[in-house]
All heavy atoms as atom14 arrays in JSON, in Angstrom:
{
  "sequence": "AAMEGFPQDEQSREALHTANTYLEMPVHEKTVQIDTALNEVHDSI",
  "atom14_mask": [
    [1, 1, 1, 1, 1, 0, 0, 0, 0, 0, 0, 0, 0, 0],
    [1, 1, 1, 1, 1, 0, 0, 0, 0, 0, 0, 0, 0, 0],
    [1, 1, 1, 1, 1, 1, 1, 1, 0, 0, 0, 0, 0, 0],
    [1, 1, 1, 1, 1, 1, 1, 1, 1, 0, 0, 0, 0, 0],
    [1, 1, 1, 1, 0, 0, 0, 0, 0, 0, 0, 0, 0, 0],
    [1, 1, 1, 1, 1, 1, 1, 1, 1, 1, 1, 0, 0, 0],
    [1, 1, 1, 1, 1, 1, 1, 0, 0, 0, 0, 0, 0, 0],
    [1, 1, 1, 1, 1, 1, 1, 1, 1, 0, 0, 0, 0, 0],
    [1, 1, 1, 1, 1, 1, 1, 1, 0, 0, 0, 0, 0, 0],
    [1, 1, 1, 1, 1, 1, 1, 1, 1, 0, 0, 0, 0, 0],
    [1, 1, 1, 1, 1, 1, 1, 1, 1, 0, 0, 0, 0, 0],
    [1, 1, 1, 1, 1, 1, 0, 0, 0, 0, 0, 0, 0, 0],
    [1, 1, 1, 1, 1, 1, 1, 1, 1, 1, 1, 0, 0, 0],
    [1, 1, 1, 1, 1, 1, 1, 1, 1, 0, 0, 0, 0, 0],
    [1, 1, 1, 1, 1, 0, 0, 0, 0, 0, 0, 0, 0, 0],
    [1, 1, 1, 1, 1, 1, 1, 1, 0, 0, 0, 0, 0, 0],
    [1, 1, 1, 1, 1, 1, 1, 1, 1, 1, 0, 0, 0, 0],
    [1, 1, 1, 1, 1, 1, 1, 0, 0, 0, 0, 0, 0, 0],
    [1, 1, 1, 1, 1, 0, 0, 0, 0, 0, 0, 0, 0, 0],
    [1, 1, 1, 1, 1, 1, 1, 1, 0, 0, 0, 0, 0, 0],
    [1, 1, 1, 1, 1, 1, 1, 0, 0, 0, 0, 0, 0, 0],
    [1, 1, 1, 1, 1, 1, 1, 1, 1, 1, 1, 1, 0, 0],
    [1, 1, 1, 1, 1, 1, 1, 1, 0, 0, 0, 0, 0, 0],
    [1, 1, 1, 1, 1, 1, 1, 1, 1, 0, 0, 0, 0, 0],
    [1, 1, 1, 1, 1, 1, 1, 1, 0, 0, 0, 0, 0, 0],
    [1, 1, 1, 1, 1, 1, 1, 0, 0, 0, 0, 0, 0, 0],
    [1, 1, 1, 1, 1, 1, 1, 0, 0, 0, 0, 0, 0, 0],
    [1, 1, 1, 1, 1, 1, 1, 1, 1, 1, 0, 0, 0, 0],
    [1, 1, 1, 1, 1, 1, 1, 1, 1, 0, 0, 0, 0, 0],
    [1, 1, 1, 1, 1, 1, 1, 1, 1, 0, 0, 0, 0, 0],
    [1, 1, 1, 1, 1, 1, 1, 0, 0, 0, 0, 0, 0, 0],
    [1, 1, 1, 1, 1, 1, 1, 0, 0, 0, 0, 0, 0, 0],
    [1, 1, 1, 1, 1, 1, 1, 1, 1, 0, 0, 0, 0, 0],
    [1, 1, 1, 1, 1, 1, 1, 1, 0, 0, 0, 0, 0, 0],
    [1, 1, 1, 1, 1, 1, 1, 1, 0, 0, 0, 0, 0, 0],
    [1, 1, 1, 1, 1, 1, 1, 0, 0, 0, 0, 0, 0, 0],
    [1, 1, 1, 1, 1, 0, 0, 0, 0, 0, 0, 0, 0, 0],
    [1, 1, 1, 1, 1, 1, 1, 1, 0, 0, 0, 0, 0, 0],
    [1, 1, 1, 1, 1, 1, 1, 1, 0, 0, 0, 0, 0, 0],
    [1, 1, 1, 1, 1, 1, 1, 1, 1, 0, 0, 0, 0, 0],
    [1, 1, 1, 1, 1, 1, 1, 0, 0, 0, 0, 0, 0, 0],
    [1, 1, 1, 1, 1, 1, 1, 1, 1, 1, 0, 0, 0, 0],
    [1, 1, 1, 1, 1, 1, 1, 1, 0, 0, 0, 0, 0, 0],
    [1, 1, 1, 1, 1, 1, 0, 0, 0, 0, 0, 0, 0, 0],
    [1, 1, 1, 1, 1, 1, 1, 1, 0, 0, 0, 0, 0, 0]
  ],
  "atom14_positions": [
    [[176.55, 70.51, 83.9], [175.86, 70.0, 85.15], [176.62, 70.22, 86.42], [176.01, 70.32, 87.49], [175.36, 68.63, 85.06], [0.0, 0.0, 0.0], [0.0, 0.0, 0.0], [0.0, 0.0, 0.0], [0.0, 0.0, 0.0], [0.0, 0.0, 0.0], [0.0, 0.0, 0.0], [0.0, 0.0, 0.0], [0.0, 0.0, 0.0], [0.0, 0.0, 0.0]],
    [[177.99, 70.22, 86.3], [178.76, 70.4, 87.54], [179.09, 71.8, 87.87], [179.69, 72.06, 88.89], [180.1, 69.67, 87.2], [0.0, 0.0, 0.0], [0.0, 0.0, 0.0], [0.0, 0.0, 0.0], [0.0, 0.0, 0.0], [0.0, 0.0, 0.0], [0.0, 0.0, 0.0], [0.0, 0.0, 0.0], [0.0, 0.0, 0.0], [0.0, 0.0, 0.0]],
    [[178.57, 72.77, 87.09], [178.73, 74.21, 87.4], [178.2, 74.57, 88.71], [177.07, 74.01, 89.14], [178.12, 75.13, 86.32], [178.81, 75.2, 85.01], [178.11, 76.46, 83.99], [176.3, 75.85, 83.8], [0.0, 0.0, 0.0], [0.0, 0.0, 0.0], [0.0, 0.0, 0.0], [0.0, 0.0, 0.0], [0.0, 0.0, 0.0], [0.0, 0.0, 0.0]],
    [[178.98, 75.31, 89.57], [178.45, 75.72, 90.82], [177.2, 76.53, 90.74], [177.21, 77.44, 89.97], [179.5, 76.47, 91.54], [179.03, 76.97, 92.95], [180.15, 77.81, 93.64], [181.21, 78.08, 93.1], [179.82, 78.3, 94.81], [0.0, 0.0, 0.0], [0.0, 0.0, 0.0], [0.0, 0.0, 0.0], [0.0, 0.0, 0.0], [0.0, 0.0, 0.0]],
    [[176.13, 76.1, 91.31], [174.78, 76.84, 91.19], [173.88, 76.14, 90.2], [172.65, 76.56, 90.26], [0.0, 0.0, 0.0], [0.0, 0.0, 0.0], [0.0, 0.0, 0.0], [0.0, 0.0, 0.0], [0.0, 0.0, 0.0], [0.0, 0.0, 0.0], [0.0, 0.0, 0.0], [0.0, 0.0, 0.0], [0.0, 0.0, 0.0], [0.0, 0.0, 0.0]],
    [[174.33, 75.22, 89.37], [173.47, 74.51, 88.43], [172.52, 73.52, 89.34], [172.99, 72.94, 90.23], [174.24, 73.78, 87.41], [173.28, 73.16, 86.46], [172.86, 73.86, 85.26], [172.84, 71.86, 86.56], [172.21, 73.31, 84.29], [172.13, 71.24, 85.52], [171.68, 71.96, 84.38], [0.0, 0.0, 0.0], [0.0, 0.0, 0.0], [0.0, 0.0, 0.0]],
    [[171.26, 73.53, 88.92], [170.34, 72.58, 89.77], [170.93, 71.11, 89.79], [171.38, 70.59, 88.8], [169.01, 72.52, 88.88], [169.05, 73.91, 88.24], [170.49, 74.18, 87.9], [0.0, 0.0, 0.0], [0.0, 0.0, 0.0], [0.0, 0.0, 0.0], [0.0, 0.0, 0.0], [0.0, 0.0, 0.0], [0.0, 0.0, 0.0], [0.0, 0.0, 0.0]],
    [[170.87, 70.53, 90.99], [171.56, 69.26, 91.14], [170.64, 68.04, 91.03], [171.01, 66.86, 91.22], [172.23, 69.24, 92.48], [173.42, 70.18, 92.61], [174.44, 69.9, 91.49], [175.04, 68.87, 91.44], [174.61, 70.86, 90.67], [0.0, 0.0, 0.0], [0.0, 0.0, 0.0], [0.0, 0.0, 0.0], [0.0, 0.0, 0.0], [0.0, 0.0, 0.0]],
    [[169.37, 68.24, 90.58], [168.56, 67.17, 90.35], [168.83, 66.56, 88.99], [169.29, 67.17, 88.1], [167.0, 67.52, 90.38], [166.79, 68.58, 89.33], [167.29, 69.69, 89.31], [165.83, 68.3, 88.41], [0.0, 0.0, 0.0], [0.0, 0.0, 0.0], [0.0, 0.0, 0.0], [0.0, 0.0, 0.0], [0.0, 0.0, 0.0], [0.0, 0.0, 0.0]],
    [[168.58, 65.22, 88.94], [168.91, 64.43, 87.67], [168.0, 65.01, 86.54], [168.54, 64.86, 85.26], [168.6, 62.89, 87.9], [169.02, 62.0, 86.7], [170.42, 62.19, 86.31], [171.36, 62.46, 87.16], [170.63, 61.98, 85.1], [0.0, 0.0, 0.0], [0.0, 0.0, 0.0], [0.0, 0.0, 0.0], [0.0, 0.0, 0.0], [0.0, 0.0, 0.0]],
    [[166.85, 65.42, 86.72], [165.97, 65.77, 85.66], [166.64, 67.05, 84.94], [166.65, 67.17, 83.72], [164.54, 66.17, 86.07], [163.71, 66.72, 84.94], [162.24, 66.84, 85.34], [161.55, 65.85, 85.39], [161.84, 68.14, 85.65], [0.0, 0.0, 0.0], [0.0, 0.0, 0.0], [0.0, 0.0, 0.0], [0.0, 0.0, 0.0], [0.0, 0.0, 0.0]],
    [[167.12, 67.97, 85.78], [167.64, 69.22, 85.13], [168.97, 68.88, 84.31], [169.15, 69.29, 83.17], [168.11, 70.15, 86.28], [166.94, 70.71, 86.92], [0.0, 0.0, 0.0], [0.0, 0.0, 0.0], [0.0, 0.0, 0.0], [0.0, 0.0, 0.0], [0.0, 0.0, 0.0], [0.0, 0.0, 0.0], [0.0, 0.0, 0.0], [0.0, 0.0, 0.0]],
    [[169.74, 67.86, 84.75], [170.95, 67.42, 84.02], [170.47, 66.79, 82.69], [170.95, 67.1, 81.6], [171.74, 66.39, 84.84], [172.93, 65.96, 84.12], [173.71, 64.81, 84.85], [174.99, 64.52, 84.23], [175.06, 63.83, 83.07], [174.01, 63.43, 82.41], [176.36, 63.66, 82.66], [0.0, 0.0, 0.0], [0.0, 0.0, 0.0], [0.0, 0.0, 0.0]],
    [[169.42, 65.91, 82.77], [168.93, 65.34, 81.57], [168.34, 66.25, 80.58], [168.37, 66.08, 79.45], [167.81, 64.2, 81.88], [167.18, 63.44, 80.78], [168.19, 62.73, 79.93], [169.25, 62.39, 80.45], [167.9, 62.62, 78.75], [0.0, 0.0, 0.0], [0.0, 0.0, 0.0], [0.0, 0.0, 0.0], [0.0, 0.0, 0.0], [0.0, 0.0, 0.0]],
    [[167.83, 67.41, 81.12], [167.26, 68.41, 80.21], [168.23, 69.07, 79.3], [167.82, 69.65, 78.29], [166.54, 69.5, 81.06], [0.0, 0.0, 0.0], [0.0, 0.0, 0.0], [0.0, 0.0, 0.0], [0.0, 0.0, 0.0], [0.0, 0.0, 0.0], [0.0, 0.0, 0.0], [0.0, 0.0, 0.0], [0.0, 0.0, 0.0], [0.0, 0.0, 0.0]],
    [[169.49, 68.87, 79.62], [170.59, 69.51, 78.73], [170.8, 68.57, 77.47], [171.55, 68.92, 76.55], [171.85, 69.51, 79.39], [171.93, 70.46, 80.69], [173.27, 70.36, 81.45], [171.73, 71.81, 80.18], [0.0, 0.0, 0.0], [0.0, 0.0, 0.0], [0.0, 0.0, 0.0], [0.0, 0.0, 0.0], [0.0, 0.0, 0.0], [0.0, 0.0, 0.0]],
    [[170.19, 67.45, 77.45], [170.23, 66.59, 76.24], [169.13, 66.98, 75.31], [167.98, 67.14, 75.76], [170.05, 65.07, 76.51], [171.21, 64.44, 77.41], [171.39, 64.51, 78.7], [172.39, 63.82, 76.84], [172.58, 63.97, 78.98], [173.15, 63.5, 77.86], [0.0, 0.0, 0.0], [0.0, 0.0, 0.0], [0.0, 0.0, 0.0], [0.0, 0.0, 0.0]],
    [[169.41, 67.06, 74.0], [168.35, 67.45, 73.08], [168.26, 66.21, 72.1], [169.21, 65.62, 71.81], [168.61, 68.68, 72.21], [169.91, 68.56, 71.59], [168.74, 69.9, 73.18], [0.0, 0.0, 0.0], [0.0, 0.0, 0.0], [0.0, 0.0, 0.0], [0.0, 0.0, 0.0], [0.0, 0.0, 0.0], [0.0, 0.0, 0.0], [0.0, 0.0, 0.0]],
    [[167.05, 66.12, 71.49], [166.89, 65.03, 70.45], [166.86, 65.63, 69.09], [167.61, 65.15, 68.22], [165.51, 64.43, 70.76], [0.0, 0.0, 0.0], [0.0, 0.0, 0.0], [0.0, 0.0, 0.0], [0.0, 0.0, 0.0], [0.0, 0.0, 0.0], [0.0, 0.0, 0.0], [0.0, 0.0, 0.0], [0.0, 0.0, 0.0], [0.0, 0.0, 0.0]],
    [[166.06, 66.68, 68.92], [165.99, 67.46, 67.65], [166.07, 68.96, 67.89], [165.22, 69.36, 68.78], [164.73, 67.01, 66.73], [164.62, 65.61, 66.56], [165.35, 64.95, 65.79], [163.65, 64.94, 67.21], [0.0, 0.0, 0.0], [0.0, 0.0, 0.0], [0.0, 0.0, 0.0], [0.0, 0.0, 0.0], [0.0, 0.0, 0.0], [0.0, 0.0, 0.0]],
    [[166.91, 69.57, 67.17], [166.92, 71.02, 67.35], [166.58, 71.67, 66.04], [167.19, 71.42, 64.95], [168.27, 71.48, 67.86], [169.32, 70.92, 67.09], [168.45, 71.08, 69.31], [0.0, 0.0, 0.0], [0.0, 0.0, 0.0], [0.0, 0.0, 0.0], [0.0, 0.0, 0.0], [0.0, 0.0, 0.0], [0.0, 0.0, 0.0], [0.0, 0.0, 0.0]],
    [[165.74, 72.67, 66.1], [165.36, 73.48, 64.8], [165.68, 74.97, 65.13], [165.4, 75.57, 66.19], [163.87, 73.21, 64.62], [163.46, 71.81, 64.49], [162.74, 71.06, 65.62], [163.8, 70.97, 63.32], [162.48, 69.86, 65.47], [163.45, 69.66, 63.26], [162.79, 69.11, 64.31], [162.44, 67.76, 64.22], [0.0, 0.0, 0.0], [0.0, 0.0, 0.0]],
    [[166.2, 75.61, 64.05], [166.47, 76.94, 64.23], [165.16, 77.85, 64.22], [164.22, 77.52, 63.42], [167.29, 77.4, 62.93], [168.68, 77.0, 62.84], [169.28, 77.5, 61.62], [169.48, 77.49, 64.12], [0.0, 0.0, 0.0], [0.0, 0.0, 0.0], [0.0, 0.0, 0.0], [0.0, 0.0, 0.0], [0.0, 0.0, 0.0], [0.0, 0.0, 0.0]],
    [[165.28, 78.82, 65.04], [164.03, 79.7, 65.19], [163.7, 80.42, 63.89], [162.67, 80.5, 63.52], [164.27, 80.73, 66.24], [163.26, 81.85, 66.4], [163.63, 82.92, 67.4], [164.58, 82.68, 68.23], [163.1, 83.99, 67.21], [0.0, 0.0, 0.0], [0.0, 0.0, 0.0], [0.0, 0.0, 0.0], [0.0, 0.0, 0.0], [0.0, 0.0, 0.0]],
    [[164.76, 80.92, 63.24], [164.65, 81.47, 61.98], [165.66, 80.91, 60.96], [166.89, 81.13, 61.11], [164.85, 83.04, 61.95], [164.66, 83.74, 60.74], [163.0, 83.74, 60.03], [162.31, 84.98, 60.98], [0.0, 0.0, 0.0], [0.0, 0.0, 0.0], [0.0, 0.0, 0.0], [0.0, 0.0, 0.0], [0.0, 0.0, 0.0], [0.0, 0.0, 0.0]],
    [[165.19, 80.08, 60.07], [166.31, 79.34, 59.15], [166.92, 80.39, 58.25], [166.39, 81.52, 58.02], [165.39, 78.37, 58.33], [164.15, 78.21, 59.17], [163.87, 79.58, 59.91], [0.0, 0.0, 0.0], [0.0, 0.0, 0.0], [0.0, 0.0, 0.0], [0.0, 0.0, 0.0], [0.0, 0.0, 0.0], [0.0, 0.0, 0.0], [0.0, 0.0, 0.0]],
    [[167.87, 80.03, 57.48], [168.56, 80.66, 56.58], [167.67, 81.06, 55.39], [167.03, 80.28, 54.8], [169.78, 80.06, 56.04], [170.47, 80.93, 54.91], [170.83, 79.79, 57.13], [0.0, 0.0, 0.0], [0.0, 0.0, 0.0], [0.0, 0.0, 0.0], [0.0, 0.0, 0.0], [0.0, 0.0, 0.0], [0.0, 0.0, 0.0], [0.0, 0.0, 0.0]],
    [[167.55, 82.38, 55.13], [166.77, 82.91, 53.95], [167.12, 84.19, 53.63], [167.5, 85.06, 54.51], [165.22, 82.89, 54.28], [164.38, 82.93, 53.09], [164.13, 84.05, 52.42], [163.71, 81.88, 52.4], [163.36, 83.75, 51.42], [163.06, 82.57, 51.34], [0.0, 0.0, 0.0], [0.0, 0.0, 0.0], [0.0, 0.0, 0.0], [0.0, 0.0, 0.0]],
    [[167.16, 84.55, 52.39], [167.63, 86.05, 51.97], [166.67, 87.03, 52.4], [166.97, 88.21, 52.48], [167.76, 86.09, 50.51], [166.56, 85.77, 49.64], [166.88, 85.78, 48.18], [168.07, 86.11, 47.85], [165.98, 85.7, 47.35], [0.0, 0.0, 0.0], [0.0, 0.0, 0.0], [0.0, 0.0, 0.0], [0.0, 0.0, 0.0], [0.0, 0.0, 0.0]],
    [[165.38, 86.66, 52.75], [164.4, 87.68, 53.09], [164.15, 87.65, 54.7], [163.12, 88.07, 55.12], [163.1, 87.42, 52.46], [163.25, 87.54, 50.89], [163.48, 89.02, 50.44], [163.53, 89.07, 48.93], [162.31, 88.74, 48.2], [0.0, 0.0, 0.0], [0.0, 0.0, 0.0], [0.0, 0.0, 0.0], [0.0, 0.0, 0.0], [0.0, 0.0, 0.0]],
    [[165.13, 87.09, 55.34], [164.86, 86.86, 56.81], [164.49, 88.19, 57.59], [163.6, 88.18, 58.33], [166.25, 86.38, 57.43], [166.45, 85.02, 56.98], [166.0, 86.27, 58.97], [0.0, 0.0, 0.0], [0.0, 0.0, 0.0], [0.0, 0.0, 0.0], [0.0, 0.0, 0.0], [0.0, 0.0, 0.0], [0.0, 0.0, 0.0], [0.0, 0.0, 0.0]],
    [[165.16, 89.27, 57.28], [164.89, 90.5, 57.92], [163.54, 91.06, 57.65], [162.76, 91.4, 58.68], [165.94, 91.64, 57.45], [165.69, 93.0, 58.17], [167.4, 91.29, 58.0], [0.0, 0.0, 0.0], [0.0, 0.0, 0.0], [0.0, 0.0, 0.0], [0.0, 0.0, 0.0], [0.0, 0.0, 0.0], [0.0, 0.0, 0.0], [0.0, 0.0, 0.0]],
    [[163.1, 91.04, 56.41], [161.71, 91.54, 56.12], [160.7, 90.63, 56.64], [159.63, 91.1, 57.25], [161.51, 91.5, 54.61], [162.53, 92.57, 53.92], [163.75, 91.75, 53.36], [164.37, 91.07, 54.03], [164.12, 92.09, 52.07], [0.0, 0.0, 0.0], [0.0, 0.0, 0.0], [0.0, 0.0, 0.0], [0.0, 0.0, 0.0], [0.0, 0.0, 0.0]],
    [[160.89, 89.31, 56.67], [159.91, 88.42, 57.22], [159.83, 88.54, 58.77], [158.65, 88.67, 59.36], [160.36, 86.9, 56.92], [160.17, 86.67, 55.45], [159.42, 86.01, 57.7], [160.81, 85.35, 55.01], [0.0, 0.0, 0.0], [0.0, 0.0, 0.0], [0.0, 0.0, 0.0], [0.0, 0.0, 0.0], [0.0, 0.0, 0.0], [0.0, 0.0, 0.0]],
    [[160.93, 88.77, 59.42], [160.92, 88.97, 60.88], [160.11, 90.3, 61.23], [159.45, 90.19, 62.26], [162.37, 89.08, 61.35], [162.43, 89.13, 62.89], [161.95, 88.26, 63.47], [163.12, 90.07, 63.42], [0.0, 0.0, 0.0], [0.0, 0.0, 0.0], [0.0, 0.0, 0.0], [0.0, 0.0, 0.0], [0.0, 0.0, 0.0], [0.0, 0.0, 0.0]],
    [[160.26, 91.32, 60.44], [159.57, 92.5, 60.72], [158.07, 92.35, 60.63], [157.26, 92.73, 61.41], [160.01, 93.6, 59.69], [161.36, 93.92, 59.9], [159.22, 94.86, 59.94], [0.0, 0.0, 0.0], [0.0, 0.0, 0.0], [0.0, 0.0, 0.0], [0.0, 0.0, 0.0], [0.0, 0.0, 0.0], [0.0, 0.0, 0.0], [0.0, 0.0, 0.0]],
    [[157.65, 91.64, 59.56], [156.25, 91.36, 59.37], [155.71, 90.49, 60.58], [154.54, 90.7, 61.09], [155.91, 90.52, 58.11], [0.0, 0.0, 0.0], [0.0, 0.0, 0.0], [0.0, 0.0, 0.0], [0.0, 0.0, 0.0], [0.0, 0.0, 0.0], [0.0, 0.0, 0.0], [0.0, 0.0, 0.0], [0.0, 0.0, 0.0], [0.0, 0.0, 0.0]],
    [[156.39, 89.46, 60.9], [155.99, 88.56, 62.06], [155.9, 89.36, 63.34], [154.92, 89.17, 64.16], [156.99, 87.44, 62.22], [157.01, 86.4, 61.05], [158.24, 85.47, 61.28], [155.75, 85.57, 61.09], [0.0, 0.0, 0.0], [0.0, 0.0, 0.0], [0.0, 0.0, 0.0], [0.0, 0.0, 0.0], [0.0, 0.0, 0.0], [0.0, 0.0, 0.0]],
    [[156.8, 90.25, 63.56], [156.76, 91.08, 64.82], [155.53, 91.92, 64.89], [154.95, 92.09, 65.97], [158.03, 91.81, 65.0], [159.22, 91.04, 65.52], [159.05, 90.26, 66.42], [160.31, 91.37, 64.95], [0.0, 0.0, 0.0], [0.0, 0.0, 0.0], [0.0, 0.0, 0.0], [0.0, 0.0, 0.0], [0.0, 0.0, 0.0], [0.0, 0.0, 0.0]],
    [[155.22, 92.58, 63.87], [154.13, 93.47, 63.76], [152.87, 92.72, 64.02], [152.01, 93.23, 64.78], [154.05, 94.18, 62.47], [155.13, 95.21, 62.25], [155.18, 95.8, 60.76], [154.3, 95.36, 59.95], [155.98, 96.75, 60.48], [0.0, 0.0, 0.0], [0.0, 0.0, 0.0], [0.0, 0.0, 0.0], [0.0, 0.0, 0.0], [0.0, 0.0, 0.0]],
    [[152.56, 91.58, 63.38], [151.38, 90.81, 63.58], [151.28, 90.25, 65.02], [150.19, 90.24, 65.66], [151.29, 89.65, 62.49], [150.05, 88.8, 62.87], [151.04, 90.39, 61.08], [0.0, 0.0, 0.0], [0.0, 0.0, 0.0], [0.0, 0.0, 0.0], [0.0, 0.0, 0.0], [0.0, 0.0, 0.0], [0.0, 0.0, 0.0], [0.0, 0.0, 0.0]],
    [[152.43, 89.83, 65.49], [152.47, 89.3, 66.89], [151.99, 90.28, 67.9], [151.16, 90.05, 68.66], [153.89, 88.91, 67.25], [154.01, 88.43, 68.66], [153.52, 87.27, 69.24], [154.67, 89.07, 69.74], [153.78, 87.15, 70.51], [154.45, 88.28, 70.81], [0.0, 0.0, 0.0], [0.0, 0.0, 0.0], [0.0, 0.0, 0.0], [0.0, 0.0, 0.0]],
    [[152.53, 91.49, 67.72], [152.0, 92.56, 68.74], [150.51, 92.86, 68.51], [149.83, 93.05, 69.52], [152.83, 93.88, 68.38], [152.65, 94.95, 69.41], [153.17, 94.68, 70.58], [152.05, 95.98, 69.08], [0.0, 0.0, 0.0], [0.0, 0.0, 0.0], [0.0, 0.0, 0.0], [0.0, 0.0, 0.0], [0.0, 0.0, 0.0], [0.0, 0.0, 0.0]],
    [[150.0, 92.84, 67.36], [148.57, 93.1, 67.08], [147.8, 91.96, 67.69], [146.67, 92.33, 68.34], [148.28, 93.23, 65.6], [149.01, 94.35, 65.01], [0.0, 0.0, 0.0], [0.0, 0.0, 0.0], [0.0, 0.0, 0.0], [0.0, 0.0, 0.0], [0.0, 0.0, 0.0], [0.0, 0.0, 0.0], [0.0, 0.0, 0.0], [0.0, 0.0, 0.0]],
    [[148.23, 90.74, 67.54], [147.32, 89.68, 68.1], [147.38, 89.64, 69.64], [146.3, 89.55, 70.31], [147.93, 88.31, 67.52], [147.73, 88.12, 66.1], [147.29, 87.09, 68.37], [148.22, 86.93, 65.5], [0.0, 0.0, 0.0], [0.0, 0.0, 0.0], [0.0, 0.0, 0.0], [0.0, 0.0, 0.0], [0.0, 0.0, 0.0], [0.0, 0.0, 0.0]]
  ]
}
């Protein structure tokens, strides 16, 4: 929050606190194939 140029309002500082964090793509041996399928359908939708 003290970095030069970082927003100086209290809300921005508080936004750096997290409660629960979840991985976008969890560990799985088929991650690459799953990601490919998800990307193709996303583009189509």
